[in-house]
Amino acid sequence: MIMRIYYVWPCFPSVSMSGPHCSLDCVHCNRRYLSNMIPATTPETLVDLATELEKKGARGLLLSGGCDKKGRILNLQKLLPAIKRIKRETDLILKLHTGIVDREVAEGIVEAEVDVASMEFVGADESVHEIFGLNFGVEGYLRTFVNLSEAGMGYISPHVVVGLHFGGLLGEFNALNLIKKHIDPDTLVIIVFRPTRGTSLEHLPAPLAKDVGRVTAHARKLFPEKRILLGSLRPRISGRSEGDRNTRLEIELAALNNGMNAIEVPSPMLLRVLKERGYRLKRIEAYGVLPEDYEERIGYEWV
């Protein structure tokens, strides 16, 4: 058995194409995540940054950013020619968090030669409205992924967020069912709501590990042959918390026991469990959505 383990930093830094700006006020984020990204908001800045980061050893970039009131990544359309230039002038692998896109922008993403397109897939209208503050529903997310697929995007990786709706389950199974019906994902990513300091929801408890297990099990049932990745965005409390619970390990084990076969930034304790269970560990310095046929190019080691 092989378990792919991924370590994103420092080989795949994150870039915000909107800088610190976002027109939304998502209650689980409050723009906090943008502060950890490198800003690049103009075509010249983005190309120069990509060239500099490659010289410093980067193998790829995550391109993301804040959104407008319709859920579209700010500056994305303006920066697509620069993204294509980066693909032509560097060897960087580009993962794009697309935001909501129509067919024209989806075709532009494909034309720009983006390697992997990813975005959260929200499966409940209530979460779209109450968490993101958007005035459309699940259909907006579904249409984005259909647009990407029909435009010919080669590698598509939907992210399903366990506990997005104030820590509880709402829409996760619907999201998975819609993905199964309408999309052929390369990798399916399970991420977990993380109460984040400085946000409106920092006081909430982490989602239950059993809920992570239930969602992962449903994903595995629907996609028996796909890579199911536990992404790095999840609660990371490694010490004892909430009584005698170890939240990080509980979540990792719940995903492992229910069908995950790849993980970003596993805890040392999980690595011990994997070795005890006879897994071969394939360490890759990249995002977990890296297509398998890119692995020889990026390099890996057995640990």
C-alpha atoms as a PDB file:
ATOM      1  CA  MET A   1       0.000   0.000   0.000  1.00  0.00           C
ATOM      2  CA  ILE A   2       1.213   3.475  -0.870  1.00  0.00           C
ATOM      3  CA  MET A   3       0.298   6.679   0.959  1.00  0.00           C
ATOM      4  CA  ARG A   4       1.286   9.880  -0.771  1.00  0.00           C
ATOM      5  CA  ILE A   5       2.307  12.569   1.733  1.00  0.00           C
ATOM      6  CA  TYR A   6       2.675  16.128   0.551  1.00  0.00           C
ATOM      7  CA  TYR A   7       4.564  19.097   1.974  1.00  0.00           C
ATOM      8  CA  VAL A   8       3.642  22.361   0.293  1.00  0.00           C
ATOM      9  CA  TRP A   9       6.094  24.855   1.749  1.00  0.00           C
ATOM     10  CA  PRO A  10       8.563  26.138   0.588  1.00  0.00           C
ATOM     11  CA  CYS A  11       8.401  24.683  -2.938  1.00  0.00           C
ATOM     12  CA  PHE A  12       4.854  25.855  -3.728  1.00  0.00           C
ATOM     13  CA  PRO A  13       4.282  29.349  -2.280  1.00  0.00           C
ATOM     14  CA  SER A  14       0.845  31.000  -2.381  1.00  0.00           C
ATOM     15  CA  VAL A  15       0.201  34.175  -4.343  1.00  0.00           C
ATOM     16  CA  SER A  16      -2.775  36.511  -3.949  1.00  0.00           C
ATOM     17  CA  MET A  17      -3.761  38.080  -7.246  1.00  0.00           C
ATOM     18  CA  SER A  18      -5.852  40.602  -5.298  1.00  0.00           C
ATOM     19  CA  GLY A  19      -3.266  41.440  -2.646  1.00  0.00           C
ATOM     20  CA  PRO A  20      -5.067  41.913   0.703  1.00  0.00           C
ATOM     21  CA  HIS A  21      -8.334  42.913  -0.970  1.00  0.00           C
ATOM     22  CA  CYS A  22     -11.606  40.975  -0.985  1.00  0.00           C
ATOM     23  CA  SER A  23     -15.125  42.306  -1.466  1.00  0.00           C
ATOM     24  CA  LEU A  24     -16.657  39.495   0.570  1.00  0.00           C
ATOM     25  CA  ASP A  25     -16.741  39.194   4.343  1.00  0.00           C
ATOM     26  CA  CYS A  26     -16.873  35.414   4.737  1.00  0.00           C
ATOM     27  CA  VAL A  27     -17.446  34.647   8.404  1.00  0.00           C
ATOM     28  CA  HIS A  28     -14.947  31.768   8.495  1.00  0.00           C
ATOM     29  CA  CYS A  29     -12.144  33.805   6.892  1.00  0.00           C
ATOM     30  CA  ASN A  30     -12.584  37.579   7.324  1.00  0.00           C
ATOM     31  CA  ARG A  31      -9.666  38.008   4.869  1.00  0.00           C
ATOM     32  CA  ARG A  32      -7.240  36.376   7.324  1.00  0.00           C
ATOM     33  CA  TYR A  33      -5.939  33.831   4.820  1.00  0.00           C
ATOM     34  CA  LEU A  34      -4.966  36.518   2.309  1.00  0.00           C
ATOM     35  CA  SER A  35      -2.444  37.908   4.787  1.00  0.00           C
ATOM     36  CA  ASN A  36      -0.357  34.735   4.442  1.00  0.00           C
ATOM     37  CA  MET A  37      -0.033  35.055   0.650  1.00  0.00           C
ATOM     38  CA  ILE A  38       2.459  36.985  -1.468  1.00  0.00           C
ATOM     39  CA  PRO A  39       0.671  39.854  -3.249  1.00  0.00           C
ATOM     40  CA  ALA A  40       0.917  40.253  -7.042  1.00  0.00           C
ATOM     41  CA  THR A  41      -1.885  42.253  -8.585  1.00  0.00           C
ATOM     42  CA  THR A  42      -0.520  43.397 -11.961  1.00  0.00           C
ATOM     43  CA  PRO A  43       0.725  41.349 -14.933  1.00  0.00           C
ATOM     44  CA  GLU A  44       4.268  42.692 -14.606  1.00  0.00           C
ATOM     45  CA  THR A  45       4.427  42.045 -10.861  1.00  0.00           C
ATOM     46  CA  LEU A  46       3.092  38.509 -11.239  1.00  0.00           C
ATOM     47  CA  VAL A  47       5.568  37.544 -13.976  1.00  0.00           C
ATOM     48  CA  ASP A  48       8.491  39.095 -12.091  1.00  0.00           C
ATOM     49  CA  LEU A  49       7.477  37.369  -8.864  1.00  0.00           C
ATOM     50  CA  ALA A  50       7.134  33.981 -10.543  1.00  0.00           C
ATOM     51  CA  THR A  51      10.563  34.333 -12.153  1.00  0.00           C
ATOM     52  CA  GLU A  52      12.135  35.345  -8.831  1.00  0.00           C
ATOM     53  CA  LEU A  53      10.483  32.515  -6.899  1.00  0.00           C
ATOM     54  CA  GLU A  54      11.633  29.946  -9.454  1.00  0.00           C
ATOM     55  CA  LYS A  55      15.210  31.200  -9.089  1.00  0.00           C
ATOM     56  CA  LYS A  56      14.864  30.720  -5.325  1.00  0.00           C
ATOM     57  CA  GLY A  57      13.804  27.097  -5.777  1.00  0.00           C
ATOM     58  CA  ALA A  58      10.031  27.165  -6.161  1.00  0.00           C
ATOM     59  CA  ARG A  59       8.623  24.320  -8.249  1.00  0.00           C
ATOM     60  CA  GLY A  60       5.156  25.746  -8.564  1.00  0.00           C
ATOM     61  CA  LEU A  61       2.660  28.343  -7.326  1.00  0.00           C
ATOM     62  CA  LEU A  62      -0.821  28.463  -5.879  1.00  0.00           C
ATOM     63  CA  LEU A  63      -2.611  31.398  -7.514  1.00  0.00           C
ATOM     64  CA  SER A  64      -5.578  32.612  -5.510  1.00  0.00           C
ATOM     65  CA  GLY A  65      -6.982  35.818  -4.055  1.00  0.00           C
ATOM     66  CA  GLY A  66     -10.011  37.622  -2.743  1.00  0.00           C
ATOM     67  CA  CYS A  67     -13.321  37.759  -4.580  1.00  0.00           C
ATOM     68  CA  ASP A  68     -15.824  40.300  -5.808  1.00  0.00           C
ATOM     69  CA  LYS A  69     -19.452  40.263  -4.718  1.00  0.00           C
ATOM     70  CA  LYS A  70     -20.224  37.546  -7.277  1.00  0.00           C
ATOM     71  CA  GLY A  71     -17.565  35.163  -6.003  1.00  0.00           C
ATOM     72  CA  ARG A  72     -15.122  35.839  -8.875  1.00  0.00           C
ATOM     73  CA  ILE A  73     -11.401  36.125  -8.094  1.00  0.00           C
ATOM     74  CA  LEU A  74     -10.357  39.761  -8.349  1.00  0.00           C
ATOM     75  CA  ASN A  75      -7.978  40.477 -11.249  1.00  0.00           C
ATOM     76  CA  LEU A  76      -8.089  36.912 -12.585  1.00  0.00           C
ATOM     77  CA  GLN A  77      -9.216  37.769 -16.104  1.00  0.00           C
ATOM     78  CA  LYS A  78      -6.711  40.636 -16.294  1.00  0.00           C
ATOM     79  CA  LEU A  79      -3.878  38.331 -15.214  1.00  0.00           C
ATOM     80  CA  LEU A  80      -4.583  35.366 -17.511  1.00  0.00           C
ATOM     81  CA  PRO A  81      -2.121  36.595 -20.186  1.00  0.00           C
ATOM     82  CA  ALA A  82       0.561  36.901 -17.487  1.00  0.00           C
ATOM     83  CA  ILE A  83      -0.231  33.379 -16.286  1.00  0.00           C
ATOM     84  CA  LYS A  84       0.250  32.091 -19.813  1.00  0.00           C
ATOM     85  CA  ARG A  85       3.554  33.938 -20.001  1.00  0.00           C
ATOM     86  CA  ILE A  86       4.696  32.263 -16.795  1.00  0.00           C
ATOM     87  CA  LYS A  87       3.849  28.869 -18.271  1.00  0.00           C
ATOM     88  CA  ARG A  88       5.823  29.673 -21.424  1.00  0.00           C
ATOM     89  CA  GLU A  89       8.847  31.269 -19.730  1.00  0.00           C
ATOM     90  CA  THR A  90       9.295  29.121 -16.600  1.00  0.00           C
ATOM     91  CA  ASP A  91       8.966  25.489 -15.560  1.00  0.00           C
ATOM     92  CA  LEU A  92       6.593  26.326 -12.707  1.00  0.00           C
ATOM     93  CA  ILE A  93       3.510  24.188 -12.097  1.00  0.00           C
ATOM     94  CA  LEU A  94       0.447  26.370 -11.545  1.00  0.00           C
ATOM     95  CA  LYS A  95      -2.484  25.494  -9.337  1.00  0.00           C
ATOM     96  CA  LEU A  96      -5.286  28.031  -9.710  1.00  0.00           C
ATOM     97  CA  HIS A  97      -8.057  28.621  -7.200  1.00  0.00           C
ATOM     98  CA  THR A  98     -10.550  29.731  -9.820  1.00  0.00           C
ATOM     99  CA  GLY A  99     -13.405  31.301  -7.911  1.00  0.00           C
ATOM    100  CA  ILE A 100     -16.723  31.378  -9.748  1.00  0.00           C
ATOM    101  CA  VAL A 101     -16.122  31.400 -13.511  1.00  0.00           C
ATOM    102  CA  ASP A 102     -18.316  31.577 -16.588  1.00  0.00           C
ATOM    103  CA  ARG A 103     -17.574  29.693 -19.784  1.00  0.00           C
ATOM    104  CA  GLU A 104     -15.460  32.509 -21.268  1.00  0.00           C
ATOM    105  CA  VAL A 105     -13.153  32.708 -18.250  1.00  0.00           C
ATOM    106  CA  ALA A 106     -12.972  28.910 -18.055  1.00  0.00           C
ATOM    107  CA  GLU A 107     -11.767  28.857 -21.655  1.00  0.00           C
ATOM    108  CA  GLY A 108      -9.245  31.570 -20.785  1.00  0.00           C
ATOM    109  CA  ILE A 109      -7.905  29.453 -17.922  1.00  0.00           C
ATOM    110  CA  VAL A 110      -7.399  26.520 -20.288  1.00  0.00           C
ATOM    111  CA  GLU A 111      -5.802  28.806 -22.887  1.00  0.00           C
ATOM    112  CA  ALA A 112      -3.405  30.089 -20.203  1.00  0.00           C
ATOM    113  CA  GLU A 113      -2.210  26.480 -19.706  1.00  0.00           C
ATOM    114  CA  VAL A 114      -2.994  26.323 -15.983  1.00  0.00           C
ATOM    115  CA  ASP A 115      -2.014  22.882 -14.691  1.00  0.00           C
ATOM    116  CA  VAL A 116      -4.678  22.313 -12.018  1.00  0.00           C
ATOM    117  CA  ALA A 117      -7.975  24.123 -11.407  1.00  0.00           C
ATOM    118  CA  SER A 118      -9.435  23.852  -7.936  1.00  0.00           C
ATOM    119  CA  MET A 119     -12.160  25.422  -5.833  1.00  0.00           C
ATOM    120  CA  GLU A 120     -14.411  24.542  -2.946  1.00  0.00           C
ATOM    121  CA  PHE A 121     -17.686  22.886  -3.914  1.00  0.00           C
ATOM    122  CA  VAL A 122     -20.394  24.060  -1.529  1.00  0.00           C
ATOM    123  CA  GLY A 123     -23.385  21.757  -1.397  1.00  0.00           C
ATOM    124  CA  ALA A 124     -25.950  23.790   0.574  1.00  0.00           C
ATOM    125  CA  ASP A 125     -27.564  27.082  -0.421  1.00  0.00           C
ATOM    126  CA  GLU A 126     -27.653  28.089   3.245  1.00  0.00           C
ATOM    127  CA  SER A 127     -23.854  27.872   3.457  1.00  0.00           C
ATOM    128  CA  VAL A 128     -23.384  29.901   0.285  1.00  0.00           C
ATOM    129  CA  HIS A 129     -25.594  32.635   1.755  1.00  0.00           C
ATOM    130  CA  GLU A 130     -24.675  32.553   5.449  1.00  0.00           C
ATOM    131  CA  ILE A 131     -20.950  31.751   5.281  1.00  0.00           C
ATOM    132  CA  PHE A 132     -19.851  33.444   2.044  1.00  0.00           C
ATOM    133  CA  GLY A 133     -22.582  36.085   1.858  1.00  0.00           C
ATOM    134  CA  LEU A 134     -23.258  35.371  -1.821  1.00  0.00           C
ATOM    135  CA  ASN A 135     -26.685  35.821  -3.398  1.00  0.00           C
ATOM    136  CA  PHE A 136     -26.695  32.646  -5.504  1.00  0.00           C
ATOM    137  CA  GLY A 137     -26.755  29.010  -4.452  1.00  0.00           C
ATOM    138  CA  VAL A 138     -25.167  25.643  -5.106  1.00  0.00           C
ATOM    139  CA  GLU A 139     -25.854  26.024  -8.825  1.00  0.00           C
ATOM    140  CA  GLY A 140     -23.127  28.670  -9.064  1.00  0.00           C
ATOM    141  CA  TYR A 141     -20.496  26.206  -7.885  1.00  0.00           C
ATOM    142  CA  LEU A 142     -21.786  23.397 -10.058  1.00  0.00           C
ATOM    143  CA  ARG A 143     -21.832  25.634 -13.129  1.00  0.00           C
ATOM    144  CA  THR A 144     -18.232  26.701 -12.489  1.00  0.00           C
ATOM    145  CA  PHE A 145     -16.978  23.125 -12.504  1.00  0.00           C
ATOM    146  CA  VAL A 146     -19.087  22.217 -15.533  1.00  0.00           C
ATOM    147  CA  ASN A 147     -17.686  25.256 -17.350  1.00  0.00           C
ATOM    148  CA  LEU A 148     -14.131  24.188 -16.541  1.00  0.00           C
ATOM    149  CA  SER A 149     -14.819  20.622 -17.633  1.00  0.00           C
ATOM    150  CA  GLU A 150     -16.525  21.607 -20.883  1.00  0.00           C
ATOM    151  CA  ALA A 151     -13.739  24.094 -21.652  1.00  0.00           C
ATOM    152  CA  GLY A 152     -11.273  21.192 -21.607  1.00  0.00           C
ATOM    153  CA  MET A 153      -9.517  21.749 -18.269  1.00  0.00           C
ATOM    154  CA  GLY A 154      -7.364  18.673 -17.840  1.00  0.00           C
ATOM    155  CA  TYR A 155      -6.989  18.456 -14.060  1.00  0.00           C
ATOM    156  CA  ILE A 156      -9.877  19.543 -11.857  1.00  0.00           C
ATOM    157  CA  SER A 157      -9.832  19.150  -8.071  1.00  0.00           C
ATOM    158  CA  PRO A 158     -12.988  20.085  -6.148  1.00  0.00           C
ATOM    159  CA  HIS A 159     -12.578  20.770  -2.417  1.00  0.00           C
ATOM    160  CA  VAL A 160     -15.379  19.669  -0.090  1.00  0.00           C
ATOM    161  CA  VAL A 161     -15.268  21.410   3.293  1.00  0.00           C
ATOM    162  CA  VAL A 162     -16.385  19.295   6.254  1.00  0.00           C
ATOM    163  CA  GLY A 163     -18.166  21.443   8.829  1.00  0.00           C
ATOM    164  CA  LEU A 164     -18.261  24.599   6.726  1.00  0.00           C
ATOM    165  CA  HIS A 165     -21.715  25.429   8.058  1.00  0.00           C
ATOM    166  CA  PHE A 166     -20.746  26.625  11.562  1.00  0.00           C
ATOM    167  CA  GLY A 167     -18.916  23.373  12.306  1.00  0.00           C
ATOM    168  CA  GLY A 168     -21.758  20.980  11.474  1.00  0.00           C
ATOM    169  CA  LEU A 169     -22.615  18.889   8.442  1.00  0.00           C
ATOM    170  CA  LEU A 170     -24.824  20.525   5.828  1.00  0.00           C
ATOM    171  CA  GLY A 171     -24.423  19.927   2.123  1.00  0.00           C
ATOM    172  CA  GLU A 172     -21.234  17.872   2.089  1.00  0.00           C
ATOM    173  CA  PHE A 173     -22.967  14.724   0.813  1.00  0.00           C
ATOM    174  CA  ASN A 174     -24.928  16.715  -1.749  1.00  0.00           C
ATOM    175  CA  ALA A 175     -21.685  18.270  -3.002  1.00  0.00           C
ATOM    176  CA  LEU A 176     -20.121  14.844  -3.443  1.00  0.00           C
ATOM    177  CA  ASN A 177     -23.188  13.511  -5.229  1.00  0.00           C
ATOM    178  CA  LEU A 178     -23.189  16.463  -7.642  1.00  0.00           C
ATOM    179  CA  ILE A 179     -19.484  16.026  -8.332  1.00  0.00           C
ATOM    180  CA  LYS A 180     -20.095  12.360  -9.103  1.00  0.00           C
ATOM    181  CA  LYS A 181     -22.977  13.156 -11.450  1.00  0.00           C
ATOM    182  CA  HIS A 182     -21.446  16.059 -13.372  1.00  0.00           C
ATOM    183  CA  ILE A 183     -17.643  16.093 -13.081  1.00  0.00           C
ATOM    184  CA  ASP A 184     -14.724  13.697 -13.487  1.00  0.00           C
ATOM    185  CA  PRO A 185     -12.252  15.060 -10.912  1.00  0.00           C
ATOM    186  CA  ASP A 186      -8.580  14.197 -10.995  1.00  0.00           C
ATOM    187  CA  THR A 187      -8.297  14.436  -7.212  1.00  0.00           C
ATOM    188  CA  LEU A 188     -11.051  14.939  -4.667  1.00  0.00           C
ATOM    189  CA  VAL A 189      -9.932  17.049  -1.711  1.00  0.00           C
ATOM    190  CA  ILE A 190     -11.460  16.874   1.751  1.00  0.00           C
ATOM    191  CA  ILE A 191     -10.699  19.898   3.895  1.00  0.00           C
ATOM    192  CA  VAL A 192     -12.060  20.653   7.349  1.00  0.00           C
ATOM    193  CA  PHE A 193     -13.413  23.892   8.788  1.00  0.00           C
ATOM    194  CA  ARG A 194     -10.778  25.392  11.074  1.00  0.00           C
ATOM    195  CA  PRO A 195     -11.930  27.941  13.674  1.00  0.00           C
ATOM    196  CA  THR A 196      -9.441  30.708  12.936  1.00  0.00           C
ATOM    197  CA  ARG A 197      -8.322  33.421  15.320  1.00  0.00           C
ATOM    198  CA  GLY A 198      -9.514  36.853  14.252  1.00  0.00           C
ATOM    199  CA  THR A 199     -12.618  35.575  12.467  1.00  0.00           C
ATOM    200  CA  SER A 200     -16.264  35.630  13.451  1.00  0.00           C
ATOM    201  CA  LEU A 201     -16.230  31.869  14.040  1.00  0.00           C
ATOM    202  CA  GLU A 202     -13.056  31.573  16.118  1.00  0.00           C
ATOM    203  CA  HIS A 203     -15.095  30.527  19.159  1.00  0.00           C
ATOM    204  CA  LEU A 204     -16.608  27.431  17.531  1.00  0.00           C
ATOM    205  CA  PRO A 205     -15.263  23.935  18.262  1.00  0.00           C
ATOM    206  CA  ALA A 206     -13.559  21.978  15.505  1.00  0.00           C
ATOM    207  CA  PRO A 207     -15.816  19.626  13.519  1.00  0.00           C
ATOM    208  CA  LEU A 208     -16.176  16.125  14.895  1.00  0.00           C
ATOM    209  CA  ALA A 209     -13.733  13.557  13.597  1.00  0.00           C
ATOM    210  CA  LYS A 210     -16.616  11.151  12.999  1.00  0.00           C
ATOM    211  CA  ASP A 211     -18.110  13.681  10.579  1.00  0.00           C
ATOM    212  CA  VAL A 212     -14.808  13.793   8.674  1.00  0.00           C
ATOM    213  CA  GLY A 213     -14.970  10.006   8.546  1.00  0.00           C
ATOM    214  CA  ARG A 214     -18.535   9.964   7.248  1.00  0.00           C
ATOM    215  CA  VAL A 215     -17.775  12.418   4.455  1.00  0.00           C
ATOM    216  CA  THR A 216     -14.583  10.600   3.493  1.00  0.00           C
ATOM    217  CA  ALA A 217     -16.397   7.254   3.440  1.00  0.00           C
ATOM    218  CA  HIS A 218     -19.081   8.643   1.133  1.00  0.00           C
ATOM    219  CA  ALA A 219     -16.421  10.078  -1.148  1.00  0.00           C
ATOM    220  CA  ARG A 220     -14.660   6.718  -1.320  1.00  0.00           C
ATOM    221  CA  LYS A 221     -17.927   4.938  -2.075  1.00  0.00           C
ATOM    222  CA  LEU A 222     -18.635   7.293  -4.967  1.00  0.00           C
ATOM    223  CA  PHE A 223     -15.048   7.402  -6.247  1.00  0.00           C
ATOM    224  CA  PRO A 224     -13.481   3.985  -5.569  1.00  0.00           C
ATOM    225  CA  GLU A 225     -10.510   4.563  -7.910  1.00  0.00           C
ATOM    226  CA  LYS A 226      -9.765   8.241  -7.275  1.00  0.00           C
ATOM    227  CA  ARG A 227      -7.186   9.919  -5.088  1.00  0.00           C
ATOM    228  CA  ILE A 228      -8.949  11.264  -2.008  1.00  0.00           C
ATOM    229  CA  LEU A 229      -6.740  13.794  -0.302  1.00  0.00           C
ATOM    230  CA  LEU A 230      -7.000  15.186   3.218  1.00  0.00           C
ATOM    231  CA  GLY A 231      -5.893  18.754   2.573  1.00  0.00           C
ATOM    232  CA  SER A 232      -3.747  20.965   4.752  1.00  0.00           C
ATOM    233  CA  LEU A 233      -6.633  23.265   5.665  1.00  0.00           C
ATOM    234  CA  ARG A 234      -7.921  21.545   8.787  1.00  0.00           C
ATOM    235  CA  PRO A 235      -7.582  21.912  12.570  1.00  0.00           C
ATOM    236  CA  ARG A 236      -3.949  21.374  13.544  1.00  0.00           C
ATOM    237  CA  ILE A 237      -4.122  21.108  17.351  1.00  0.00           C
ATOM    238  CA  SER A 238      -1.412  18.519  17.964  1.00  0.00           C
ATOM    239  CA  GLY A 239      -1.301  18.814  21.732  1.00  0.00           C
ATOM    240  CA  ARG A 240      -4.048  17.764  24.074  1.00  0.00           C
ATOM    241  CA  SER A 241      -7.134  19.918  23.850  1.00  0.00           C
ATOM    242  CA  GLU A 242     -10.834  19.802  24.715  1.00  0.00           C
ATOM    243  CA  GLY A 243     -10.241  17.456  27.607  1.00  0.00           C
ATOM    244  CA  ASP A 244      -7.975  14.623  26.516  1.00  0.00           C
ATOM    245  CA  ARG A 245      -8.673  14.849  22.768  1.00  0.00           C
ATOM    246  CA  ASN A 246      -5.981  15.185  20.141  1.00  0.00           C
ATOM    247  CA  THR A 247      -8.011  16.899  17.431  1.00  0.00           C
ATOM    248  CA  ARG A 248      -5.403  16.727  14.667  1.00  0.00           C
ATOM    249  CA  LEU A 249      -4.759  12.999  14.973  1.00  0.00           C
ATOM    250  CA  GLU A 250      -8.450  12.175  15.423  1.00  0.00           C
ATOM    251  CA  ILE A 251      -9.297  13.877  12.138  1.00  0.00           C
ATOM    252  CA  GLU A 252      -6.398  12.237  10.307  1.00  0.00           C
ATOM    253  CA  LEU A 253      -7.322   8.769  11.570  1.00  0.00           C
ATOM    254  CA  ALA A 254     -10.995   9.277  10.712  1.00  0.00           C
ATOM    255  CA  ALA A 255     -10.040  10.105   7.138  1.00  0.00           C
ATOM    256  CA  LEU A 256      -7.511   7.262   6.955  1.00  0.00           C
ATOM    257  CA  ASN A 257      -9.926   4.663   8.279  1.00  0.00           C
ATOM    258  CA  ASN A 258     -12.574   5.685   5.753  1.00  0.00           C
ATOM    259  CA  GLY A 259     -10.660   5.748   2.505  1.00  0.00           C
ATOM    260  CA  MET A 260      -8.214   8.618   2.145  1.00  0.00           C
ATOM    261  CA  ASN A 261      -5.088   7.667   0.202  1.00  0.00           C
ATOM    262  CA  ALA A 262      -3.160  10.952   0.281  1.00  0.00           C
ATOM    263  CA  ILE A 263      -2.559  13.680   2.856  1.00  0.00           C
ATOM    264  CA  GLU A 264      -0.948  17.090   3.094  1.00  0.00           C
ATOM    265  CA  VAL A 265       1.276  17.820   6.097  1.00  0.00           C
ATOM    266  CA  PRO A 266       0.532  14.730   8.205  1.00  0.00           C
ATOM    267  CA  SER A 267       1.294  14.753  11.908  1.00  0.00           C
ATOM    268  CA  PRO A 268       4.295  12.744  13.158  1.00  0.00           C
ATOM    269  CA  MET A 269       1.870  10.517  15.039  1.00  0.00           C
ATOM    270  CA  LEU A 270      -0.018   9.658  11.871  1.00  0.00           C
ATOM    271  CA  LEU A 271       3.248   8.804  10.122  1.00  0.00           C
ATOM    272  CA  ARG A 272       3.947   6.271  12.876  1.00  0.00           C
ATOM    273  CA  VAL A 273       0.476   4.773  12.457  1.00  0.00           C
ATOM    274  CA  LEU A 274       0.936   4.491   8.697  1.00  0.00           C
ATOM    275  CA  LYS A 275       4.250   2.691   9.061  1.00  0.00           C
ATOM    276  CA  GLU A 276       2.767   0.349  11.667  1.00  0.00           C
ATOM    277  CA  ARG A 277      -0.012  -0.513   9.208  1.00  0.00           C
ATOM    278  CA  GLY A 278       2.465  -1.347   6.474  1.00  0.00           C
ATOM    279  CA  TYR A 279       2.121   1.660   4.200  1.00  0.00           C
ATOM    280  CA  ARG A 280       4.954   2.787   1.957  1.00  0.00           C
ATOM    281  CA  LEU A 281       5.231   6.551   2.309  1.00  0.00           C
ATOM    282  CA  LYS A 282       5.882   8.557  -0.844  1.00  0.00           C
ATOM    283  CA  ARG A 283       6.980  12.070   0.147  1.00  0.00           C
ATOM    284  CA  ILE A 284       6.359  14.775  -2.456  1.00  0.00           C
ATOM    285  CA  GLU A 285       7.229  18.464  -2.089  1.00  0.00           C
ATOM    286  CA  ALA A 286       4.070  19.828  -3.723  1.00  0.00           C
ATOM    287  CA  TYR A 287       0.356  20.322  -3.342  1.00  0.00           C
ATOM    288  CA  GLY A 288      -1.603  17.115  -3.032  1.00  0.00           C
ATOM    289  CA  VAL A 289      -3.489  17.829  -6.241  1.00  0.00           C
ATOM    290  CA  LEU A 290      -0.267  17.378  -8.227  1.00  0.00           C
ATOM    291  CA  PRO A 291      -1.197  14.978 -11.058  1.00  0.00           C
ATOM    292  CA  GLU A 292       0.527  11.636 -10.739  1.00  0.00           C
ATOM    293  CA  ASP A 293       2.177  12.000 -14.128  1.00  0.00           C
ATOM    294  CA  TYR A 294       3.957  15.103 -12.795  1.00  0.00           C
ATOM    295  CA  GLU A 295       5.658  13.192  -9.979  1.00  0.00           C
ATOM    296  CA  GLU A 296       8.780  12.259 -11.911  1.00  0.00           C
ATOM    297  CA  ARG A 297       9.146  15.885 -12.914  1.00  0.00           C
ATOM    298  CA  ILE A 298       8.797  17.259  -9.383  1.00  0.00           C
ATOM    299  CA  GLY A 299      10.683  14.444  -7.672  1.00  0.00           C
ATOM    300  CA  TYR A 300       9.827  12.360  -4.610  1.00  0.00           C
ATOM    301  CA  GLU A 301      11.410  10.142  -2.001  1.00  0.00           C
ATOM    302  CA  TRP A 302      10.346   7.042  -0.102  1.00  0.00           C
ATOM    303  CA  VAL A 303      10.386   7.541   3.660  1.00  0.00           C
END
